[in-house]
Amino acid sequence: MNAHQKLRTFDLIRDAVLPEFRDRVAEYLVDYETALHEDAADADADAEPVRAVAHQLRGYLRGLNTTRVLGMADWEELDRRVVESWLLP
């Protein structure tokens, strides 16, 4: 996935969250987004911190799905995008 598609992943997450929870979730997503884009942009950086944050993001999305803040179909698609963006070689 290119950088634009990775950025779009976070937009899709924000859109998929139920409206009454969007502001709160958006606050948390900023931290994930910043960490993933800064670490991934540094070509000399170790890939392990990026992988760790991506796994944390997957866990956060799973929690949103469990609490019904995010629908199952949305969660499956977003999880797939996180894996393809930051976890596959």
PDB file of N, CA and C in Angstrom:
ATOM      1  N   MET A   1       0.844  -1.182   0.000  1.00  0.00           N
ATOM      2  CA  MET A   1       0.000   0.000   0.000  1.00  0.00           C
ATOM      3  C   MET A   1       0.879   1.231   0.000  1.00  0.00           C
ATOM      4  N   ASN A   2       0.454   2.232  -0.753  1.00  0.00           N
ATOM      5  CA  ASN A   2       1.237   3.456  -0.762  1.00  0.00           C
ATOM      6  C   ASN A   2       0.851   4.347   0.420  1.00  0.00           C
ATOM      7  N   ALA A   3       1.584   5.438   0.583  1.00  0.00           N
ATOM      8  CA  ALA A   3       1.383   6.323   1.745  1.00  0.00           C
ATOM      9  C   ALA A   3      -0.028   6.900   1.785  1.00  0.00           C
ATOM     10  N   HIS A   4      -0.581   7.232   0.635  1.00  0.00           N
ATOM     11  CA  HIS A   4      -1.938   7.788   0.601  1.00  0.00           C
ATOM     12  C   HIS A   4      -2.958   6.769   1.088  1.00  0.00           C
ATOM     13  N   GLN A   5      -2.812   5.523   0.676  1.00  0.00           N
ATOM     14  CA  GLN A   5      -3.731   4.477   1.115  1.00  0.00           C
ATOM     15  C   GLN A   5      -3.615   4.242   2.618  1.00  0.00           C
ATOM     16  N   LYS A   6      -2.399   4.351   3.144  1.00  0.00           N
ATOM     17  CA  LYS A   6      -2.204   4.181   4.580  1.00  0.00           C
ATOM     18  C   LYS A   6      -2.899   5.308   5.341  1.00  0.00           C
ATOM     19  N   LEU A   7      -2.747   6.540   4.853  1.00  0.00           N
ATOM     20  CA  LEU A   7      -3.436   7.666   5.479  1.00  0.00           C
ATOM     21  C   LEU A   7      -4.937   7.477   5.410  1.00  0.00           C
ATOM     22  N   ARG A   8      -5.419   6.970   4.304  1.00  0.00           N
ATOM     23  CA  ARG A   8      -6.850   6.747   4.101  1.00  0.00           C
ATOM     24  C   ARG A   8      -7.396   5.724   5.103  1.00  0.00           C
ATOM     25  N   THR A   9      -6.566   4.798   5.543  1.00  0.00           N
ATOM     26  CA  THR A   9      -6.995   3.806   6.534  1.00  0.00           C
ATOM     27  C   THR A   9      -7.529   4.508   7.779  1.00  0.00           C
ATOM     28  N   PHE A  10      -6.845   5.536   8.232  1.00  0.00           N
ATOM     29  CA  PHE A  10      -7.293   6.250   9.430  1.00  0.00           C
ATOM     30  C   PHE A  10      -8.589   7.030   9.174  1.00  0.00           C
ATOM     31  N   ASP A  11      -8.748   7.551   7.984  1.00  0.00           N
ATOM     32  CA  ASP A  11     -10.016   8.208   7.635  1.00  0.00           C
ATOM     33  C   ASP A  11     -11.162   7.191   7.655  1.00  0.00           C
ATOM     34  N   LEU A  12     -10.903   6.005   7.140  1.00  0.00           N
ATOM     35  CA  LEU A  12     -11.926   4.956   7.122  1.00  0.00           C
ATOM     36  C   LEU A  12     -12.297   4.527   8.542  1.00  0.00           C
ATOM     37  N   ILE A  13     -11.304   4.453   9.424  1.00  0.00           N
ATOM     38  CA  ILE A  13     -11.599   4.105  10.818  1.00  0.00           C
ATOM     39  C   ILE A  13     -12.509   5.163  11.426  1.00  0.00           C
ATOM     40  N   ARG A  14     -12.157   6.418  11.248  1.00  0.00           N
ATOM     41  CA  ARG A  14     -12.966   7.504  11.819  1.00  0.00           C
ATOM     42  C   ARG A  14     -14.401   7.454  11.288  1.00  0.00           C
ATOM     43  N   ASP A  15     -14.541   7.184  10.009  1.00  0.00           N
ATOM     44  CA  ASP A  15     -15.879   7.132   9.399  1.00  0.00           C
ATOM     45  C   ASP A  15     -16.683   5.925   9.865  1.00  0.00           C
ATOM     46  N   ALA A  16     -16.015   4.819  10.180  1.00  0.00           N
ATOM     47  CA  ALA A  16     -16.706   3.580  10.549  1.00  0.00           C
ATOM     48  C   ALA A  16     -17.217   3.588  11.989  1.00  0.00           C
ATOM     49  N   VAL A  17     -16.637   4.438  12.820  1.00  0.00           N
ATOM     50  CA  VAL A  17     -17.036   4.497  14.231  1.00  0.00           C
ATOM     51  C   VAL A  17     -18.402   5.174  14.346  1.00  0.00           C
ATOM     52  N   LEU A  18     -19.219   4.678  15.258  1.00  0.00           N
ATOM     53  CA  LEU A  18     -20.531   5.292  15.488  1.00  0.00           C
ATOM     54  C   LEU A  18     -20.359   6.776  15.800  1.00  0.00           C
ATOM     55  N   PRO A  19     -21.239   7.614  15.263  1.00  0.00           N
ATOM     56  CA  PRO A  19     -21.080   9.068  15.401  1.00  0.00           C
ATOM     57  C   PRO A  19     -20.875   9.561  16.833  1.00  0.00           C
ATOM     58  N   GLU A  20     -21.559   8.983  17.784  1.00  0.00           N
ATOM     59  CA  GLU A  20     -21.445   9.477  19.162  1.00  0.00           C
ATOM     60  C   GLU A  20     -20.086   9.172  19.803  1.00  0.00           C
ATOM     61  N   PHE A  21     -19.276   8.328  19.157  1.00  0.00           N
ATOM     62  CA  PHE A  21     -17.960   7.977  19.699  1.00  0.00           C
ATOM     63  C   PHE A  21     -16.802   8.530  18.869  1.00  0.00           C
ATOM     64  N   ARG A  22     -17.096   9.203  17.773  1.00  0.00           N
ATOM     65  CA  ARG A  22     -16.049   9.627  16.839  1.00  0.00           C
ATOM     66  C   ARG A  22     -15.028  10.573  17.454  1.00  0.00           C
ATOM     67  N   ASP A  23     -15.471  11.544  18.226  1.00  0.00           N
ATOM     68  CA  ASP A  23     -14.517  12.494  18.805  1.00  0.00           C
ATOM     69  C   ASP A  23     -13.542  11.794  19.739  1.00  0.00           C
ATOM     70  N   ARG A  24     -14.059  10.933  20.571  1.00  0.00           N
ATOM     71  CA  ARG A  24     -13.204  10.222  21.531  1.00  0.00           C
ATOM     72  C   ARG A  24     -12.227   9.290  20.825  1.00  0.00           C
ATOM     73  N   VAL A  25     -12.717   8.553  19.846  1.00  0.00           N
ATOM     74  CA  VAL A  25     -11.847   7.635  19.102  1.00  0.00           C
ATOM     75  C   VAL A  25     -10.802   8.420  18.314  1.00  0.00           C
ATOM     76  N   ALA A  26     -11.194   9.539  17.743  1.00  0.00           N
ATOM     77  CA  ALA A  26     -10.257  10.357  16.965  1.00  0.00           C
ATOM     78  C   ALA A  26      -9.067  10.797  17.817  1.00  0.00           C
ATOM     79  N   GLU A  27      -9.304  11.078  19.093  1.00  0.00           N
ATOM     80  CA  GLU A  27      -8.213  11.464  19.986  1.00  0.00           C
ATOM     81  C   GLU A  27      -7.182  10.347  20.115  1.00  0.00           C
ATOM     82  N   TYR A  28      -7.641   9.125  20.238  1.00  0.00           N
ATOM     83  CA  TYR A  28      -6.729   7.979  20.347  1.00  0.00           C
ATOM     84  C   TYR A  28      -6.029   7.699  19.019  1.00  0.00           C
ATOM     85  N   LEU A  29      -6.743   7.851  17.933  1.00  0.00           N
ATOM     86  CA  LEU A  29      -6.163   7.535  16.628  1.00  0.00           C
ATOM     87  C   LEU A  29      -4.994   8.437  16.274  1.00  0.00           C
ATOM     88  N   VAL A  30      -5.001   9.655  16.760  1.00  0.00           N
ATOM     89  CA  VAL A  30      -3.906  10.584  16.471  1.00  0.00           C
ATOM     90  C   VAL A  30      -2.578   9.987  16.931  1.00  0.00           C
ATOM     91  N   ASP A  31      -2.572   9.371  18.102  1.00  0.00           N
ATOM     92  CA  ASP A  31      -1.340   8.769  18.614  1.00  0.00           C
ATOM     93  C   ASP A  31      -0.862   7.622  17.720  1.00  0.00           C
ATOM     94  N   TYR A  32      -1.779   6.758  17.334  1.00  0.00           N
ATOM     95  CA  TYR A  32      -1.418   5.642  16.447  1.00  0.00           C
ATOM     96  C   TYR A  32      -0.939   6.159  15.092  1.00  0.00           C
ATOM     97  N   GLU A  33      -1.681   7.082  14.549  1.00  0.00           N
ATOM     98  CA  GLU A  33      -1.361   7.635  13.231  1.00  0.00           C
ATOM     99  C   GLU A  33       0.019   8.289  13.235  1.00  0.00           C
ATOM    100  N   THR A  34       0.281   9.082  14.249  1.00  0.00           N
ATOM    101  CA  THR A  34       1.572   9.757  14.355  1.00  0.00           C
ATOM    102  C   THR A  34       2.702   8.744  14.466  1.00  0.00           C
ATOM    103  N   ALA A  35       2.555   7.780  15.334  1.00  0.00           N
ATOM    104  CA  ALA A  35       3.603   6.777  15.530  1.00  0.00           C
ATOM    105  C   ALA A  35       3.858   5.971  14.266  1.00  0.00           C
ATOM    106  N   LEU A  36       2.813   5.538  13.605  1.00  0.00           N
ATOM    107  CA  LEU A  36       2.993   4.713  12.406  1.00  0.00           C
ATOM    108  C   LEU A  36       3.593   5.495  11.255  1.00  0.00           C
ATOM    109  N   HIS A  37       3.183   6.721  11.081  1.00  0.00           N
ATOM    110  CA  HIS A  37       3.689   7.495   9.949  1.00  0.00           C
ATOM    111  C   HIS A  37       5.089   8.036  10.197  1.00  0.00           C
ATOM    112  N   GLU A  38       5.400   8.407  11.420  1.00  0.00           N
ATOM    113  CA  GLU A  38       6.752   8.894  11.716  1.00  0.00           C
ATOM    114  C   GLU A  38       7.762   7.766  11.651  1.00  0.00           C
ATOM    115  N   ASP A  39       7.450   6.634  12.291  1.00  0.00           N
ATOM    116  CA  ASP A  39       8.381   5.511  12.294  1.00  0.00           C
ATOM    117  C   ASP A  39       8.539   4.906  10.908  1.00  0.00           C
ATOM    118  N   ALA A  40       7.451   4.797  10.178  1.00  0.00           N
ATOM    119  CA  ALA A  40       7.513   4.208   8.840  1.00  0.00           C
ATOM    120  C   ALA A  40       8.239   5.125   7.866  1.00  0.00           C
ATOM    121  N   ALA A  41       8.182   6.426   8.087  1.00  0.00           N
ATOM    122  CA  ALA A  41       8.824   7.382   7.194  1.00  0.00           C
ATOM    123  C   ALA A  41      10.340   7.383   7.362  1.00  0.00           C
ATOM    124  N   ASP A  42      10.815   6.993   8.523  1.00  0.00           N
ATOM    125  CA  ASP A  42      12.243   6.956   8.794  1.00  0.00           C
ATOM    126  C   ASP A  42      12.819   5.669   8.208  1.00  0.00           C
ATOM    127  N   ALA A  43      13.465   5.780   7.067  1.00  0.00           N
ATOM    128  CA  ALA A  43      13.962   4.610   6.337  1.00  0.00           C
ATOM    129  C   ALA A  43      14.988   3.814   7.147  1.00  0.00           C
ATOM    130  N   ASP A  44      15.692   4.464   8.059  1.00  0.00           N
ATOM    131  CA  ASP A  44      16.704   3.774   8.844  1.00  0.00           C
ATOM    132  C   ASP A  44      16.125   3.149  10.114  1.00  0.00           C
ATOM    133  N   ALA A  45      14.860   3.392  10.353  1.00  0.00           N
ATOM    134  CA  ALA A  45      14.241   2.918  11.591  1.00  0.00           C
ATOM    135  C   ALA A  45      14.081   1.396  11.580  1.00  0.00           C
ATOM    136  N   ASP A  46      14.154   0.824  12.768  1.00  0.00           N
ATOM    137  CA  ASP A  46      13.899  -0.591  12.949  1.00  0.00           C
ATOM    138  C   ASP A  46      12.412  -0.841  12.689  1.00  0.00           C
ATOM    139  N   ALA A  47      12.082  -1.885  11.984  1.00  0.00           N
ATOM    140  CA  ALA A  47      10.684  -2.177  11.651  1.00  0.00           C
ATOM    141  C   ALA A  47       9.886  -2.645  12.863  1.00  0.00           C
ATOM    142  N   GLU A  48      10.554  -3.096  13.908  1.00  0.00           N
ATOM    143  CA  GLU A  48       9.846  -3.656  15.054  1.00  0.00           C
ATOM    144  C   GLU A  48       8.933  -2.650  15.765  1.00  0.00           C
ATOM    145  N   PRO A  49       9.346  -1.394  15.985  1.00  0.00           N
ATOM    146  CA  PRO A  49       8.416  -0.440  16.611  1.00  0.00           C
ATOM    147  C   PRO A  49       7.152  -0.209  15.778  1.00  0.00           C
ATOM    148  N   VAL A  50       7.290  -0.180  14.467  1.00  0.00           N
ATOM    149  CA  VAL A  50       6.130  -0.011  13.588  1.00  0.00           C
ATOM    150  C   VAL A  50       5.209  -1.209  13.732  1.00  0.00           C
ATOM    151  N   ARG A  51       5.773  -2.399  13.739  1.00  0.00           N
ATOM    152  CA  ARG A  51       4.976  -3.613  13.890  1.00  0.00           C
ATOM    153  C   ARG A  51       4.264  -3.630  15.243  1.00  0.00           C
ATOM    154  N   ALA A  52       4.949  -3.198  16.288  1.00  0.00           N
ATOM    155  CA  ALA A  52       4.348  -3.182  17.622  1.00  0.00           C
ATOM    156  C   ALA A  52       3.155  -2.230  17.676  1.00  0.00           C
ATOM    157  N   VAL A  53       3.302  -1.050  17.100  1.00  0.00           N
ATOM    158  CA  VAL A  53       2.200  -0.083  17.094  1.00  0.00           C
ATOM    159  C   VAL A  53       1.052  -0.599  16.231  1.00  0.00           C
ATOM    160  N   ALA A  54       1.366  -1.232  15.109  1.00  0.00           N
ATOM    161  CA  ALA A  54       0.316  -1.782  14.246  1.00  0.00           C
ATOM    162  C   ALA A  54      -0.468  -2.870  14.984  1.00  0.00           C
ATOM    163  N   HIS A  55       0.225  -3.693  15.752  1.00  0.00           N
ATOM    164  CA  HIS A  55      -0.472  -4.717  16.543  1.00  0.00           C
ATOM    165  C   HIS A  55      -1.346  -4.073  17.622  1.00  0.00           C
ATOM    166  N   GLN A  56      -0.858  -3.003  18.226  1.00  0.00           N
ATOM    167  CA  GLN A  56      -1.660  -2.281  19.223  1.00  0.00           C
ATOM    168  C   GLN A  56      -2.908  -1.686  18.575  1.00  0.00           C
ATOM    169  N   LEU A  57      -2.748  -1.143  17.369  1.00  0.00           N
ATOM    170  CA  LEU A  57      -3.895  -0.582  16.645  1.00  0.00           C
ATOM    171  C   LEU A  57      -4.907  -1.677  16.339  1.00  0.00           C
ATOM    172  N   ARG A  58      -4.435  -2.848  15.933  1.00  0.00           N
ATOM    173  CA  ARG A  58      -5.356  -3.960  15.675  1.00  0.00           C
ATOM    174  C   ARG A  58      -6.132  -4.317  16.938  1.00  0.00           C
ATOM    175  N   GLY A  59      -5.457  -4.332  18.081  1.00  0.00           N
ATOM    176  CA  GLY A  59      -6.124  -4.617  19.351  1.00  0.00           C
ATOM    177  C   GLY A  59      -7.150  -3.552  19.698  1.00  0.00           C
ATOM    178  N   TYR A  60      -6.818  -2.306  19.440  1.00  0.00           N
ATOM    179  CA  TYR A  60      -7.752  -1.205  19.698  1.00  0.00           C
ATOM    180  C   TYR A  60      -9.001  -1.355  18.826  1.00  0.00           C
ATOM    181  N   LEU A  61      -8.792  -1.674  17.551  1.00  0.00           N
ATOM    182  CA  LEU A  61      -9.931  -1.871  16.642  1.00  0.00           C
ATOM    183  C   LEU A  61     -10.782  -3.061  17.083  1.00  0.00           C
ATOM    184  N   ARG A  62     -10.127  -4.113  17.527  1.00  0.00           N
ATOM    185  CA  ARG A  62     -10.857  -5.288  18.025  1.00  0.00           C
ATOM    186  C   ARG A  62     -11.707  -4.897  19.231  1.00  0.00           C
ATOM    187  N   GLY A  63     -11.160  -4.066  20.099  1.00  0.00           N
ATOM    188  CA  GLY A  63     -11.919  -3.583  21.258  1.00  0.00           C
ATOM    189  C   GLY A  63     -13.106  -2.740  20.847  1.00  0.00           C
ATOM    190  N   LEU A  64     -12.921  -1.912  19.833  1.00  0.00           N
ATOM    191  CA  LEU A  64     -14.047  -1.109  19.334  1.00  0.00           C
ATOM    192  C   LEU A  64     -15.143  -2.002  18.773  1.00  0.00           C
ATOM    193  N   ASN A  65     -14.734  -3.085  18.127  1.00  0.00           N
ATOM    194  CA  ASN A  65     -15.708  -4.026  17.588  1.00  0.00           C
ATOM    195  C   ASN A  65     -16.430  -4.747  18.717  1.00  0.00           C
ATOM    196  N   THR A  66     -15.696  -5.169  19.725  1.00  0.00           N
ATOM    197  CA  THR A  66     -16.275  -5.899  20.856  1.00  0.00           C
ATOM    198  C   THR A  66     -17.308  -5.059  21.593  1.00  0.00           C
ATOM    199  N   THR A  67     -17.052  -3.767  21.709  1.00  0.00           N
ATOM    200  CA  THR A  67     -17.977  -2.876  22.419  1.00  0.00           C
ATOM    201  C   THR A  67     -19.044  -2.303  21.485  1.00  0.00           C
ATOM    202  N   ARG A  68     -19.081  -2.788  20.277  1.00  0.00           N
ATOM    203  CA  ARG A  68     -20.082  -2.405  19.274  1.00  0.00           C
ATOM    204  C   ARG A  68     -20.016  -0.926  18.863  1.00  0.00           C
ATOM    205  N   VAL A  69     -18.822  -0.370  18.966  1.00  0.00           N
ATOM    206  CA  VAL A  69     -18.593   0.991  18.490  1.00  0.00           C
ATOM    207  C   VAL A  69     -18.263   0.950  17.000  1.00  0.00           C
ATOM    208  N   LEU A  70     -17.842  -0.231  16.561  1.00  0.00           N
ATOM    209  CA  LEU A  70     -17.432  -0.460  15.185  1.00  0.00           C
ATOM    210  C   LEU A  70     -18.071  -1.763  14.735  1.00  0.00           C
ATOM    211  N   GLY A  71     -18.670  -1.772  13.553  1.00  0.00           N
ATOM    212  CA  GLY A  71     -19.337  -2.967  13.049  1.00  0.00           C
ATOM    213  C   GLY A  71     -18.364  -4.055  12.607  1.00  0.00           C
ATOM    214  N   MET A  72     -18.832  -5.293  12.585  1.00  0.00           N
ATOM    215  CA  MET A  72     -17.997  -6.441  12.241  1.00  0.00           C
ATOM    216  C   MET A  72     -17.420  -6.333  10.834  1.00  0.00           C
ATOM    217  N   ALA A  73     -18.224  -5.972   9.869  1.00  0.00           N
ATOM    218  CA  ALA A  73     -17.730  -5.860   8.491  1.00  0.00           C
ATOM    219  C   ALA A  73     -16.661  -4.773   8.403  1.00  0.00           C
ATOM    220  N   ASP A  74     -16.889  -3.659   9.098  1.00  0.00           N
ATOM    221  CA  ASP A  74     -15.895  -2.590   9.107  1.00  0.00           C
ATOM    222  C   ASP A  74     -14.616  -3.060   9.772  1.00  0.00           C
ATOM    223  N   TRP A  75     -14.751  -3.750  10.901  1.00  0.00           N
ATOM    224  CA  TRP A  75     -13.575  -4.222  11.618  1.00  0.00           C
ATOM    225  C   TRP A  75     -12.744  -5.158  10.753  1.00  0.00           C
ATOM    226  N   GLU A  76     -13.380  -6.077  10.064  1.00  0.00           N
ATOM    227  CA  GLU A  76     -12.646  -7.028   9.231  1.00  0.00           C
ATOM    228  C   GLU A  76     -11.868  -6.309   8.134  1.00  0.00           C
ATOM    229  N   GLU A  77     -12.493  -5.347   7.482  1.00  0.00           N
ATOM    230  CA  GLU A  77     -11.824  -4.588   6.418  1.00  0.00           C
ATOM    231  C   GLU A  77     -10.683  -3.747   6.977  1.00  0.00           C
ATOM    232  N   LEU A  78     -10.918  -3.081   8.084  1.00  0.00           N
ATOM    233  CA  LEU A  78      -9.883  -2.233   8.675  1.00  0.00           C
ATOM    234  C   LEU A  78      -8.718  -3.064   9.196  1.00  0.00           C
ATOM    235  N   ASP A  79      -9.008  -4.202   9.788  1.00  0.00           N
ATOM    236  CA  ASP A  79      -7.953  -5.092  10.257  1.00  0.00           C
ATOM    237  C   ASP A  79      -7.098  -5.547   9.078  1.00  0.00           C
ATOM    238  N   ARG A  80      -7.733  -5.906   7.990  1.00  0.00           N
ATOM    239  CA  ARG A  80      -7.009  -6.327   6.780  1.00  0.00           C
ATOM    240  C   ARG A  80      -6.100  -5.207   6.292  1.00  0.00           C
ATOM    241  N   ARG A  81      -6.602  -3.978   6.293  1.00  0.00           N
ATOM    242  CA  ARG A  81      -5.806  -2.835   5.823  1.00  0.00           C
ATOM    243  C   ARG A  81      -4.597  -2.586   6.725  1.00  0.00           C
ATOM    244  N   VAL A  82      -4.776  -2.719   8.035  1.00  0.00           N
ATOM    245  CA  VAL A  82      -3.652  -2.517   8.959  1.00  0.00           C
ATOM    246  C   VAL A  82      -2.585  -3.581   8.702  1.00  0.00           C
ATOM    247  N   VAL A  83      -3.016  -4.818   8.545  1.00  0.00           N
ATOM    248  CA  VAL A  83      -2.063  -5.900   8.275  1.00  0.00           C
ATOM    249  C   VAL A  83      -1.308  -5.629   6.976  1.00  0.00           C
ATOM    250  N   GLU A  84      -2.023  -5.297   5.917  1.00  0.00           N
ATOM    251  CA  GLU A  84      -1.380  -5.049   4.624  1.00  0.00           C
ATOM    252  C   GLU A  84      -0.481  -3.812   4.661  1.00  0.00           C
ATOM    253  N   SER A  85      -0.853  -2.813   5.426  1.00  0.00           N
ATOM    254  CA  SER A  85      -0.088  -1.562   5.451  1.00  0.00           C
ATOM    255  C   SER A  85       1.191  -1.649   6.269  1.00  0.00           C
ATOM    256  N   TRP A  86       1.117  -2.296   7.441  1.00  0.00           N
ATOM    257  CA  TRP A  86       2.249  -2.213   8.359  1.00  0.00           C
ATOM    258  C   TRP A  86       2.805  -3.546   8.837  1.00  0.00           C
ATOM    259  N   LEU A  87       2.163  -4.660   8.541  1.00  0.00           N
ATOM    260  CA  LEU A  87       2.640  -5.929   9.087  1.00  0.00           C
ATOM    261  C   LEU A  87       3.178  -6.911   8.052  1.00  0.00           C
ATOM    262  N   LEU A  88       2.753  -6.779   6.825  1.00  0.00           N
ATOM    263  CA  LEU A  88       3.282  -7.680   5.793  1.00  0.00           C
ATOM    264  C   LEU A  88       4.643  -7.188   5.322  1.00  0.00           C
ATOM    265  N   PRO A  89       5.524  -8.110   4.969  1.00  0.00           N
ATOM    266  CA  PRO A  89       6.867  -7.696   4.516  1.00  0.00           C
ATOM    267  C   PRO A  89       6.841  -6.887   3.241  1.00  0.00           C
TER     268      PRO A  89
END
